[in-house]
Amino acid sequence: MCKFRRQELASTAWAFSTLDFCDRPLMNSISSQARRSLTQGADDVQGIGNIAWAYASLNLRDMPLFDALAAAALARISEFGV
């Protein structure tokens, strides 16, 4: 069982992407946990944005993750302030 909260997962993914360093096993693990977390509701819009940016910046095309991010973002679209 994962002991990291959604924002911690997002921050870790973001940190690796700012360094342009892709550790595939780690990013796969973060993706898997993030997808589970996103389906449980109460999503943090900052975390959604950070994870999306991190995976896009690293050119990681994890469609199940992006599908989960899109669904979570649409559910909270009014909170994004755009």
Protein backbone atom coordinates (compact mmCIF):
# COMPACT_ATOMS: atom_id res chain seq x y z
CA MET A 1 0.00 0.00 0.00
CA CYS A 2 1.28 3.45 -0.92
CA LYS A 3 1.92 5.88 1.90
CA PHE A 4 2.29 8.93 -0.31
CA ARG A 5 -0.49 11.45 -0.70
CA ARG A 6 -1.55 12.67 -4.12
CA GLN A 7 0.38 15.94 -3.81
CA GLU A 8 3.54 14.09 -2.77
CA LEU A 9 3.26 11.89 -5.86
CA ALA A 10 2.77 14.97 -8.02
CA SER A 11 5.70 16.77 -6.42
CA THR A 12 8.00 13.80 -6.95
CA ALA A 13 7.03 13.49 -10.60
CA TRP A 14 7.43 17.26 -11.04
CA ALA A 15 10.88 17.25 -9.42
CA PHE A 16 12.17 14.51 -11.71
CA SER A 17 10.77 16.24 -14.77
CA THR A 18 12.39 19.59 -13.90
CA LEU A 19 15.71 17.73 -13.86
CA ASP A 20 14.79 16.09 -17.17
CA PHE A 21 15.53 12.76 -15.52
CA CYS A 22 13.27 9.84 -16.29
CA ASP A 23 13.48 6.81 -14.04
CA ARG A 24 10.96 4.58 -15.83
CA PRO A 25 10.23 2.20 -12.92
CA LEU A 26 9.66 5.13 -10.57
CA MET A 27 7.49 7.04 -13.05
CA ASN A 28 5.47 3.88 -13.77
CA SER A 29 4.93 3.40 -10.06
CA ILE A 30 3.87 7.02 -9.57
CA SER A 31 1.53 6.74 -12.54
CA SER A 32 -0.09 3.60 -11.19
CA GLN A 33 -0.67 5.10 -7.75
CA ALA A 34 -1.81 8.43 -9.19
CA ARG A 35 -4.42 6.69 -11.35
CA ARG A 36 -5.79 4.87 -8.30
CA SER A 37 -5.75 8.08 -6.31
CA LEU A 38 -7.52 10.08 -9.04
CA THR A 39 -10.40 7.62 -9.16
CA GLN A 40 -11.00 8.02 -5.42
CA GLY A 41 -12.13 11.64 -5.76
CA ALA A 42 -11.25 14.78 -3.78
CA ASP A 43 -8.61 15.66 -6.35
CA ASP A 44 -6.24 18.55 -5.75
CA VAL A 45 -6.11 20.72 -8.89
CA GLN A 46 -2.48 21.63 -8.25
CA GLY A 47 -1.60 17.94 -8.12
CA ILE A 48 -3.53 17.23 -11.30
CA GLY A 49 -1.67 19.99 -13.11
CA ASN A 50 1.73 18.99 -11.72
CA ILE A 51 1.39 15.35 -12.72
CA ALA A 52 0.11 16.23 -16.18
CA TRP A 53 2.98 18.69 -16.72
CA ALA A 54 5.61 16.26 -15.41
CA TYR A 55 4.58 13.37 -17.65
CA ALA A 56 4.13 15.60 -20.68
CA SER A 57 7.52 17.25 -20.08
CA LEU A 58 9.23 13.87 -19.92
CA ASN A 59 7.40 12.78 -23.07
CA LEU A 60 5.82 9.89 -21.19
CA ARG A 61 2.68 8.91 -23.04
CA ASP A 62 0.82 7.03 -20.34
CA MET A 63 -2.69 7.12 -21.79
CA PRO A 64 -4.41 5.51 -18.79
CA LEU A 65 -2.88 8.22 -16.60
CA PHE A 66 -3.86 11.02 -19.00
CA ASP A 67 -7.39 9.64 -19.24
CA ALA A 68 -7.65 9.67 -15.43
CA LEU A 69 -6.15 13.19 -15.28
CA ALA A 70 -8.62 14.44 -17.90
CA ALA A 71 -11.59 13.01 -16.02
CA ALA A 72 -10.39 14.49 -12.73
CA ALA A 73 -9.70 17.86 -14.35
CA LEU A 74 -13.12 18.01 -15.98
CA ALA A 75 -14.77 17.28 -12.66
CA ARG A 76 -12.92 20.25 -11.09
CA ILE A 77 -12.59 22.55 -14.14
CA SER A 78 -14.02 25.61 -12.35
CA GLU A 79 -11.18 25.47 -9.81
CA PHE A 80 -8.37 25.79 -12.34
CA GLY A 81 -8.78 29.54 -12.68
CA VAL A 82 -8.32 29.75 -16.43
